[in-house]
């Protein structure tokens, strides 16, 4: 694995950690402020919240896959 792939892997790991912290902070904030999800369904922000939650989880999953593939390539390239 060359330096470029290693840097991409490090950036992917950093991005994954930052986005997961953001996602769970938002999610816990929704839960701890006494939000009833049956009430949220009646408002417009329900779909926006879940779209954002799913979209960010999809992005972080792709970053994690990139990290795993980069790590595998790095380990394979070692003598």
PDB file of N, CA and C in Angstrom:
ATOM      1  N   UNK A   1       0.843  -1.177   0.000  1.00  0.00           N
ATOM      2  CA  UNK A   1       0.000   0.000   0.000  1.00  0.00           C
ATOM      3  C   UNK A   1       0.891   1.243   0.000  1.00  0.00           C
ATOM      4  N   UNK A   2       0.598   2.172  -0.880  1.00  0.00           N
ATOM      5  CA  UNK A   2       1.415   3.378  -0.945  1.00  0.00           C
ATOM      6  C   UNK A   2       0.926   4.426   0.057  1.00  0.00           C
ATOM      7  N   UNK A   3       1.633   5.529   0.107  1.00  0.00           N
ATOM      8  CA  UNK A   3       1.327   6.570   1.086  1.00  0.00           C
ATOM      9  C   UNK A   3      -0.064   7.152   0.872  1.00  0.00           C
ATOM     10  N   UNK A   4      -0.477   7.287  -0.387  1.00  0.00           N
ATOM     11  CA  UNK A   4      -1.793   7.860  -0.685  1.00  0.00           C
ATOM     12  C   UNK A   4      -2.906   7.012  -0.069  1.00  0.00           C
ATOM     13  N   UNK A   5      -2.818   5.693  -0.226  1.00  0.00           N
ATOM     14  CA  UNK A   5      -3.847   4.822   0.343  1.00  0.00           C
ATOM     15  C   UNK A   5      -3.832   4.871   1.866  1.00  0.00           C
ATOM     16  N   UNK A   6      -2.646   4.985   2.443  1.00  0.00           N
ATOM     17  CA  UNK A   6      -2.539   5.071   3.900  1.00  0.00           C
ATOM     18  C   UNK A   6      -3.197   6.354   4.410  1.00  0.00           C
ATOM     19  N   UNK A   7      -2.953   7.465   3.718  1.00  0.00           N
ATOM     20  CA  UNK A   7      -3.559   8.742   4.112  1.00  0.00           C
ATOM     21  C   UNK A   7      -5.074   8.668   3.976  1.00  0.00           C
ATOM     22  N   UNK A   8      -5.554   8.058   2.888  1.00  0.00           N
ATOM     23  CA  UNK A   8      -6.998   7.905   2.698  1.00  0.00           C
ATOM     24  C   UNK A   8      -7.597   7.092   3.840  1.00  0.00           C
ATOM     25  N   UNK A   9      -6.899   6.027   4.244  1.00  0.00           N
ATOM     26  CA  UNK A   9      -7.382   5.214   5.352  1.00  0.00           C
ATOM     27  C   UNK A   9      -7.447   5.991   6.653  1.00  0.00           C
ATOM     28  N   UNK A  10      -6.426   6.808   6.925  1.00  0.00           N
ATOM     29  CA  UNK A  10      -6.411   7.618   8.150  1.00  0.00           C
ATOM     30  C   UNK A  10      -7.536   8.652   8.132  1.00  0.00           C
ATOM     31  N   UNK A  11      -7.735   9.296   6.987  1.00  0.00           N
ATOM     32  CA  UNK A  11      -8.815  10.278   6.864  1.00  0.00           C
ATOM     33  C   UNK A  11     -10.169   9.597   7.040  1.00  0.00           C
ATOM     34  N   UNK A  12     -10.311   8.387   6.472  1.00  0.00           N
ATOM     35  CA  UNK A  12     -11.565   7.653   6.615  1.00  0.00           C
ATOM     36  C   UNK A  12     -11.837   7.319   8.076  1.00  0.00           C
ATOM     37  N   UNK A  13     -10.805   6.899   8.803  1.00  0.00           N
ATOM     38  CA  UNK A  13     -10.980   6.576  10.221  1.00  0.00           C
ATOM     39  C   UNK A  13     -11.365   7.821  11.012  1.00  0.00           C
ATOM     40  N   UNK A  14     -10.662   8.933  10.756  1.00  0.00           N
ATOM     41  CA  UNK A  14     -10.963  10.176  11.462  1.00  0.00           C
ATOM     42  C   UNK A  14     -12.389  10.632  11.161  1.00  0.00           C
ATOM     43  N   UNK A  15     -12.766  10.595   9.872  1.00  0.00           N
ATOM     44  CA  UNK A  15     -14.119  10.989   9.489  1.00  0.00           C
ATOM     45  C   UNK A  15     -15.169  10.096  10.117  1.00  0.00           C
ATOM     46  N   UNK A  16     -14.872   8.794  10.163  1.00  0.00           N
ATOM     47  CA  UNK A  16     -15.805   7.838  10.765  1.00  0.00           C
ATOM     48  C   UNK A  16     -16.030   8.157  12.234  1.00  0.00           C
ATOM     49  N   UNK A  17     -14.944   8.404  12.963  1.00  0.00           N
ATOM     50  CA  UNK A  17     -15.055   8.698  14.396  1.00  0.00           C
ATOM     51  C   UNK A  17     -15.827   9.991  14.620  1.00  0.00           C
ATOM     52  N   UNK A  18     -15.496  11.036  13.866  1.00  0.00           N
ATOM     53  CA  UNK A  18     -16.158  12.330  14.043  1.00  0.00           C
ATOM     54  C   UNK A  18     -17.645  12.224  13.729  1.00  0.00           C
ATOM     55  N   UNK A  19     -17.989  11.569  12.616  1.00  0.00           N
ATOM     56  CA  UNK A  19     -19.390  11.471  12.236  1.00  0.00           C
ATOM     57  C   UNK A  19     -20.179  10.591  13.202  1.00  0.00           C
ATOM     58  N   UNK A  20     -19.581   9.520  13.699  1.00  0.00           N
ATOM     59  CA  UNK A  20     -20.289   8.680  14.668  1.00  0.00           C
ATOM     60  C   UNK A  20     -20.544   9.448  15.961  1.00  0.00           C
ATOM     61  N   UNK A  21     -19.563  10.236  16.408  1.00  0.00           N
ATOM     62  CA  UNK A  21     -19.781  11.058  17.605  1.00  0.00           C
ATOM     63  C   UNK A  21     -20.925  12.028  17.360  1.00  0.00           C
ATOM     64  N   UNK A  22     -20.949  12.654  16.164  1.00  0.00           N
ATOM     65  CA  UNK A  22     -22.021  13.596  15.831  1.00  0.00           C
ATOM     66  C   UNK A  22     -23.375  12.895  15.807  1.00  0.00           C
ATOM     67  N   UNK A  23     -23.431  11.729  15.148  1.00  0.00           N
ATOM     68  CA  UNK A  23     -24.695  11.006  15.015  1.00  0.00           C
ATOM     69  C   UNK A  23     -25.256  10.633  16.385  1.00  0.00           C
ATOM     70  N   UNK A  24     -24.414  10.053  17.231  1.00  0.00           N
ATOM     71  CA  UNK A  24     -24.926   9.602  18.527  1.00  0.00           C
ATOM     72  C   UNK A  24     -25.206  10.773  19.451  1.00  0.00           C
ATOM     73  N   UNK A  25     -24.510  11.893  19.295  1.00  0.00           N
ATOM     74  CA  UNK A  25     -24.834  13.083  20.078  1.00  0.00           C
ATOM     75  C   UNK A  25     -26.218  13.589  19.720  1.00  0.00           C
ATOM     76  N   UNK A  26     -26.502  13.661  18.415  1.00  0.00           N
ATOM     77  CA  UNK A  26     -27.825  14.107  17.964  1.00  0.00           C
ATOM     78  C   UNK A  26     -28.899  13.138  18.446  1.00  0.00           C
ATOM     79  N   UNK A  27     -28.636  11.844  18.288  1.00  0.00           N
ATOM     80  CA  UNK A  27     -29.623  10.826  18.650  1.00  0.00           C
ATOM     81  C   UNK A  27     -29.914  10.858  20.148  1.00  0.00           C
ATOM     82  N   UNK A  28     -28.865  10.925  20.965  1.00  0.00           N
ATOM     83  CA  UNK A  28     -29.051  10.963  22.419  1.00  0.00           C
ATOM     84  C   UNK A  28     -29.731  12.259  22.835  1.00  0.00           C
ATOM     85  N   UNK A  29     -29.427  13.360  22.148  1.00  0.00           N
ATOM     86  CA  UNK A  29     -30.089  14.629  22.458  1.00  0.00           C
ATOM     87  C   UNK A  29     -31.588  14.519  22.208  1.00  0.00           C
ATOM     88  N   UNK A  30     -31.967  13.864  21.113  1.00  0.00           N
ATOM     89  CA  UNK A  30     -33.389  13.666  20.848  1.00  0.00           C
ATOM     90  C   UNK A  30     -34.022  12.812  21.945  1.00  0.00           C
ATOM     91  N   UNK A  31     -33.314  11.780  22.396  1.00  0.00           N
ATOM     92  CA  UNK A  31     -33.895  10.876  23.393  1.00  0.00           C
ATOM     93  C   UNK A  31     -33.956  11.507  24.780  1.00  0.00           C
ATOM     94  N   UNK A  32     -32.906  12.234  25.175  1.00  0.00           N
ATOM     95  CA  UNK A  32     -32.826  12.735  26.550  1.00  0.00           C
ATOM     96  C   UNK A  32     -33.656  13.991  26.778  1.00  0.00           C
ATOM     97  N   UNK A  33     -34.122  14.641  25.724  1.00  0.00           N
ATOM     98  CA  UNK A  33     -34.949  15.825  25.909  1.00  0.00           C
ATOM     99  C   UNK A  33     -36.427  15.462  25.975  1.00  0.00           C
ATOM    100  N   UNK A  34     -36.702  14.214  26.277  1.00  0.00           N
ATOM    101  CA  UNK A  34     -38.087  13.801  26.460  1.00  0.00           C
ATOM    102  C   UNK A  34     -38.895  13.814  25.180  1.00  0.00           C
ATOM    103  N   UNK A  35     -38.258  13.551  24.057  1.00  0.00           N
ATOM    104  CA  UNK A  35     -38.970  13.582  22.785  1.00  0.00           C
ATOM    105  C   UNK A  35     -39.695  12.255  22.600  1.00  0.00           C
ATOM    106  N   UNK A  36     -40.979  12.336  22.355  1.00  0.00           N
ATOM    107  CA  UNK A  36     -41.773  11.136  22.094  1.00  0.00           C
ATOM    108  C   UNK A  36     -41.848  10.957  20.584  1.00  0.00           C
ATOM    109  N   UNK A  37     -41.345   9.835  20.099  1.00  0.00           N
ATOM    110  CA  UNK A  37     -41.284   9.652  18.651  1.00  0.00           C
ATOM    111  C   UNK A  37     -42.667   9.547  18.026  1.00  0.00           C
ATOM    112  N   UNK A  38     -43.684   9.176  18.829  1.00  0.00           N
ATOM    113  CA  UNK A  38     -45.049   9.152  18.287  1.00  0.00           C
ATOM    114  C   UNK A  38     -45.535  10.568  18.006  1.00  0.00           C
ATOM    115  N   UNK A  39     -45.008  11.538  18.773  1.00  0.00           N
ATOM    116  CA  UNK A  39     -45.370  12.937  18.534  1.00  0.00           C
ATOM    117  C   UNK A  39     -44.603  13.475  17.327  1.00  0.00           C
ATOM    118  N   UNK A  40     -43.331  13.080  17.207  1.00  0.00           N
ATOM    119  CA  UNK A  40     -42.508  13.589  16.110  1.00  0.00           C
ATOM    120  C   UNK A  40     -43.115  13.213  14.761  1.00  0.00           C
ATOM    121  N   UNK A  41     -43.782  12.059  14.696  1.00  0.00           N
ATOM    122  CA  UNK A  41     -44.372  11.614  13.431  1.00  0.00           C
ATOM    123  C   UNK A  41     -45.319  12.674  12.882  1.00  0.00           C
ATOM    124  N   UNK A  42     -45.953  13.437  13.768  1.00  0.00           N
ATOM    125  CA  UNK A  42     -46.945  14.413  13.330  1.00  0.00           C
ATOM    126  C   UNK A  42     -46.303  15.675  12.742  1.00  0.00           C
ATOM    127  N   UNK A  43     -44.997  15.845  12.941  1.00  0.00           N
ATOM    128  CA  UNK A  43     -44.336  17.059  12.477  1.00  0.00           C
ATOM    129  C   UNK A  43     -43.473  16.774  11.261  1.00  0.00           C
ATOM    130  N   UNK A  44     -43.089  17.837  10.570  1.00  0.00           N
ATOM    131  CA  UNK A  44     -42.296  17.686   9.351  1.00  0.00           C
ATOM    132  C   UNK A  44     -40.871  17.234   9.638  1.00  0.00           C
ATOM    133  N   UNK A  45     -40.331  17.593  10.804  1.00  0.00           N
ATOM    134  CA  UNK A  45     -38.925  17.303  11.063  1.00  0.00           C
ATOM    135  C   UNK A  45     -38.673  15.829  11.338  1.00  0.00           C
ATOM    136  N   UNK A  46     -39.739  15.034  11.474  1.00  0.00           N
ATOM    137  CA  UNK A  46     -39.541  13.597  11.708  1.00  0.00           C
ATOM    138  C   UNK A  46     -38.802  12.968  10.537  1.00  0.00           C
ATOM    139  N   UNK A  47     -39.303  13.193   9.325  1.00  0.00           N
ATOM    140  CA  UNK A  47     -38.669  12.595   8.145  1.00  0.00           C
ATOM    141  C   UNK A  47     -37.273  13.164   7.929  1.00  0.00           C
ATOM    142  N   UNK A  48     -37.105  14.457   8.187  1.00  0.00           N
ATOM    143  CA  UNK A  48     -35.791  15.068   8.013  1.00  0.00           C
ATOM    144  C   UNK A  48     -34.787  14.469   8.993  1.00  0.00           C
ATOM    145  N   UNK A  49     -35.219  14.244  10.233  1.00  0.00           N
ATOM    146  CA  UNK A  49     -34.310  13.681  11.236  1.00  0.00           C
ATOM    147  C   UNK A  49     -33.877  12.283  10.833  1.00  0.00           C
ATOM    148  N   UNK A  50     -34.829  11.451  10.459  1.00  0.00           N
ATOM    149  CA  UNK A  50     -34.459  10.078  10.119  1.00  0.00           C
ATOM    150  C   UNK A  50     -33.688  10.014   8.820  1.00  0.00           C
ATOM    151  N   UNK A  51     -33.989  10.906   7.862  1.00  0.00           N
ATOM    152  CA  UNK A  51     -33.202  10.947   6.630  1.00  0.00           C
ATOM    153  C   UNK A  51     -31.758  11.306   6.944  1.00  0.00           C
ATOM    154  N   UNK A  52     -31.575  12.296   7.815  1.00  0.00           N
ATOM    155  CA  UNK A  52     -30.214  12.700   8.199  1.00  0.00           C
ATOM    156  C   UNK A  52     -29.513  11.567   8.937  1.00  0.00           C
ATOM    157  N   UNK A  53     -30.225  10.921   9.848  1.00  0.00           N
ATOM    158  CA  UNK A  53     -29.640   9.828  10.635  1.00  0.00           C
ATOM    159  C   UNK A  53     -29.192   8.687   9.729  1.00  0.00           C
ATOM    160  N   UNK A  54     -30.058   8.294   8.787  1.00  0.00           N
ATOM    161  CA  UNK A  54     -29.725   7.189   7.880  1.00  0.00           C
ATOM    162  C   UNK A  54     -28.611   7.601   6.921  1.00  0.00           C
ATOM    163  N   UNK A  55     -28.670   8.840   6.416  1.00  0.00           N
ATOM    164  CA  UNK A  55     -27.661   9.299   5.456  1.00  0.00           C
ATOM    165  C   UNK A  55     -26.275   9.324   6.097  1.00  0.00           C
ATOM    166  N   UNK A  56     -26.168   9.854   7.304  1.00  0.00           N
ATOM    167  CA  UNK A  56     -24.862   9.911   7.957  1.00  0.00           C
ATOM    168  C   UNK A  56     -24.359   8.527   8.330  1.00  0.00           C
ATOM    169  N   UNK A  57     -25.274   7.630   8.723  1.00  0.00           N
ATOM    170  CA  UNK A  57     -24.839   6.267   9.004  1.00  0.00           C
ATOM    171  C   UNK A  57     -24.365   5.575   7.733  1.00  0.00           C
ATOM    172  N   UNK A  58     -25.006   5.860   6.599  1.00  0.00           N
ATOM    173  CA  UNK A  58     -24.567   5.287   5.325  1.00  0.00           C
ATOM    174  C   UNK A  58     -23.173   5.799   4.972  1.00  0.00           C
ATOM    175  N   UNK A  59     -22.953   7.103   5.152  1.00  0.00           N
ATOM    176  CA  UNK A  59     -21.642   7.681   4.854  1.00  0.00           C
ATOM    177  C   UNK A  59     -20.566   7.062   5.744  1.00  0.00           C
ATOM    178  N   UNK A  60     -20.861   6.935   7.041  1.00  0.00           N
ATOM    179  CA  UNK A  60     -19.855   6.380   7.941  1.00  0.00           C
ATOM    180  C   UNK A  60     -19.598   4.909   7.652  1.00  0.00           C
ATOM    181  N   UNK A  61     -20.633   4.198   7.210  1.00  0.00           N
ATOM    182  CA  UNK A  61     -20.433   2.797   6.829  1.00  0.00           C
ATOM    183  C   UNK A  61     -19.505   2.707   5.630  1.00  0.00           C
ATOM    184  N   UNK A  62     -19.694   3.582   4.645  1.00  0.00           N
ATOM    185  CA  UNK A  62     -18.814   3.586   3.474  1.00  0.00           C
ATOM    186  C   UNK A  62     -17.383   3.940   3.874  1.00  0.00           C
ATOM    187  N   UNK A  63     -17.233   4.893   4.796  1.00  0.00           N
ATOM    188  CA  UNK A  63     -15.895   5.249   5.268  1.00  0.00           C
ATOM    189  C   UNK A  63     -15.243   4.081   5.999  1.00  0.00           C
ATOM    190  N   UNK A  64     -16.038   3.350   6.782  1.00  0.00           N
ATOM    191  CA  UNK A  64     -15.494   2.198   7.499  1.00  0.00           C
ATOM    192  C   UNK A  64     -15.068   1.105   6.528  1.00  0.00           C
ATOM    193  N   UNK A  65     -15.872   0.872   5.489  1.00  0.00           N
ATOM    194  CA  UNK A  65     -15.502  -0.117   4.467  1.00  0.00           C
ATOM    195  C   UNK A  65     -14.198   0.298   3.792  1.00  0.00           C
ATOM    196  N   UNK A  66     -14.074   1.598   3.485  1.00  0.00           N
ATOM    197  CA  UNK A  66     -12.849   2.112   2.878  1.00  0.00           C
ATOM    198  C   UNK A  66     -11.654   1.882   3.802  1.00  0.00           C
ATOM    199  N   UNK A  67     -11.848   2.121   5.097  1.00  0.00           N
ATOM    200  CA  UNK A  67     -10.779   1.904   6.071  1.00  0.00           C
ATOM    201  C   UNK A  67     -10.371   0.436   6.119  1.00  0.00           C
ATOM    202  N   UNK A  68     -11.361  -0.463   6.132  1.00  0.00           N
ATOM    203  CA  UNK A  68     -11.061  -1.898   6.189  1.00  0.00           C
ATOM    204  C   UNK A  68     -10.291  -2.333   4.951  1.00  0.00           C
ATOM    205  N   UNK A  69     -10.750  -1.894   3.778  1.00  0.00           N
ATOM    206  CA  UNK A  69     -10.070  -2.278   2.537  1.00  0.00           C
ATOM    207  C   UNK A  69      -8.657  -1.708   2.490  1.00  0.00           C
ATOM    208  N   UNK A  70      -8.491  -0.460   2.962  1.00  0.00           N
ATOM    209  CA  UNK A  70      -7.157   0.144   2.984  1.00  0.00           C
ATOM    210  C   UNK A  70      -6.240  -0.613   3.933  1.00  0.00           C
ATOM    211  N   UNK A  71      -6.769  -1.011   5.083  1.00  0.00           N
ATOM    212  CA  UNK A  71      -5.963  -1.761   6.049  1.00  0.00           C
ATOM    213  C   UNK A  71      -5.571  -3.120   5.492  1.00  0.00           C
ATOM    214  N   UNK A  72      -6.519  -3.788   4.830  1.00  0.00           N
ATOM    215  CA  UNK A  72      -6.211  -5.089   4.236  1.00  0.00           C
ATOM    216  C   UNK A  72      -5.131  -4.947   3.166  1.00  0.00           C
ATOM    217  N   UNK A  73      -5.230  -3.889   2.355  1.00  0.00           N
ATOM    218  CA  UNK A  73      -4.225  -3.666   1.317  1.00  0.00           C
ATOM    219  C   UNK A  73      -2.861  -3.395   1.951  1.00  0.00           C
ATOM    220  N   UNK A  74      -2.858  -2.642   3.057  1.00  0.00           N
ATOM    221  CA  UNK A  74      -1.603  -2.341   3.746  1.00  0.00           C
ATOM    222  C   UNK A  74      -0.977  -3.616   4.310  1.00  0.00           C
ATOM    223  N   UNK A  75      -1.775  -4.442   4.962  1.00  0.00           N
ATOM    224  CA  UNK A  75      -1.243  -5.666   5.557  1.00  0.00           C
ATOM    225  C   UNK A  75      -0.758  -6.638   4.482  1.00  0.00           C
ATOM    226  N   UNK A  76      -1.443  -6.663   3.339  1.00  0.00           N
ATOM    227  CA  UNK A  76      -1.032  -7.552   2.254  1.00  0.00           C
ATOM    228  C   UNK A  76       0.288  -7.100   1.636  1.00  0.00           C
ATOM    229  N   UNK A  77       0.539  -5.785   1.642  1.00  0.00           N
ATOM    230  CA  UNK A  77       1.736  -5.262   0.983  1.00  0.00           C
ATOM    231  C   UNK A  77       2.985  -5.397   1.857  1.00  0.00           C
ATOM    232  N   UNK A  78       2.808  -5.682   3.141  1.00  0.00           N
ATOM    233  CA  UNK A  78       3.974  -5.817   4.024  1.00  0.00           C
ATOM    234  C   UNK A  78       4.752  -7.083   3.658  1.00  0.00           C
ATOM    235  N   UNK A  79       6.053  -7.011   3.709  1.00  0.00           N
ATOM    236  CA  UNK A  79       6.866  -8.176   3.329  1.00  0.00           C
ATOM    237  C   UNK A  79       6.766  -9.299   4.365  1.00  0.00           C
TER     238      UNK A  79
END
